[in-house]
Amino acid sequence: MNKFINEKLMPPMMKFLNTKAVTAIKNGMLYPIPFIIIGAIFLILANFPQQNVADWISQIGWAPIF
């Protein structure tokens, strides 16, 4: 089975994946991921689901930052 996949399926797949359009789409989705993760962390901290933690964040003065 692996021999069939490596000999018959992989060459056309790799030819398709190495085209400029697919590479541009891949890079366009890959580069903003760190910014999306950091933004998600800030959103979670700004709207923390547990009230006691949200109160603690506002007591120590971090609420305006988020």
Protein backbone atom coordinates (compact mmCIF):
# COMPACT_ATOMS: atom_id res chain seq x y z
CA MET A 1 0.00 0.00 0.00
CA ASN A 2 2.79 2.44 0.91
CA LYS A 3 4.61 1.60 -2.29
CA PHE A 4 1.50 2.41 -4.33
CA ILE A 5 1.03 5.72 -2.53
CA ASN A 6 4.69 6.71 -2.89
CA GLU A 7 4.95 5.74 -6.55
CA LYS A 8 1.54 6.65 -7.96
CA LEU A 9 -0.12 9.28 -5.78
CA MET A 10 2.71 11.36 -4.35
CA PRO A 11 4.34 12.68 -7.58
CA PRO A 12 1.17 14.35 -8.94
CA MET A 13 0.27 15.62 -5.47
CA MET A 14 3.70 17.15 -4.95
CA LYS A 15 3.59 18.69 -8.41
CA PHE A 16 0.29 20.35 -7.50
CA LEU A 17 1.44 21.44 -4.04
CA ASN A 18 4.60 23.07 -5.38
CA THR A 19 2.76 25.43 -7.71
CA LYS A 20 3.01 29.16 -7.01
CA ALA A 21 -0.70 29.56 -6.29
CA VAL A 22 -0.87 26.80 -3.68
CA THR A 23 2.37 27.99 -2.06
CA ALA A 24 1.01 31.55 -1.86
CA ILE A 25 -2.23 30.35 -0.26
CA LYS A 26 -0.28 28.19 2.21
CA ASN A 27 2.03 31.06 3.19
CA GLY A 28 -0.88 33.48 3.38
CA MET A 29 -2.55 31.27 5.96
CA LEU A 30 0.64 30.37 7.82
CA TYR A 31 2.14 33.80 8.53
CA PRO A 32 -0.77 35.43 10.43
CA ILE A 33 -1.27 32.46 12.79
CA PRO A 34 0.97 33.85 15.61
CA PHE A 35 -0.93 37.16 15.55
CA ILE A 36 -4.26 35.33 15.63
CA ILE A 37 -3.14 33.26 18.64
CA ILE A 38 -1.89 36.34 20.53
CA GLY A 39 -5.12 38.19 19.77
CA ALA A 40 -7.17 35.23 20.97
CA ILE A 41 -5.24 35.14 24.26
CA PHE A 42 -5.90 38.86 24.82
CA LEU A 43 -9.59 38.40 24.04
CA ILE A 44 -9.85 35.52 26.51
CA LEU A 45 -8.14 37.58 29.21
CA ALA A 46 -10.32 40.62 28.49
CA ASN A 47 -13.54 38.61 28.74
CA PHE A 48 -12.54 35.89 31.18
CA PRO A 49 -15.44 33.49 31.79
CA GLN A 50 -14.94 33.17 35.56
CA GLN A 51 -16.06 36.25 37.42
CA ASN A 52 -13.54 35.98 40.28
CA VAL A 53 -10.61 35.98 37.82
CA ALA A 54 -12.15 38.88 35.88
CA ASP A 55 -12.48 40.82 39.15
CA TRP A 56 -8.86 40.04 40.03
CA ILE A 57 -7.67 41.30 36.63
CA SER A 58 -9.52 44.58 37.15
CA GLN A 59 -8.28 44.89 40.78
CA ILE A 60 -4.62 44.68 39.79
CA GLY A 61 -5.18 47.27 37.07
CA TRP A 62 -4.78 45.13 33.96
CA ALA A 63 -8.33 45.64 32.68
CA PRO A 64 -7.50 48.81 30.66
CA ILE A 65 -4.64 46.95 28.95
CA PHE A 66 -7.00 44.32 27.60
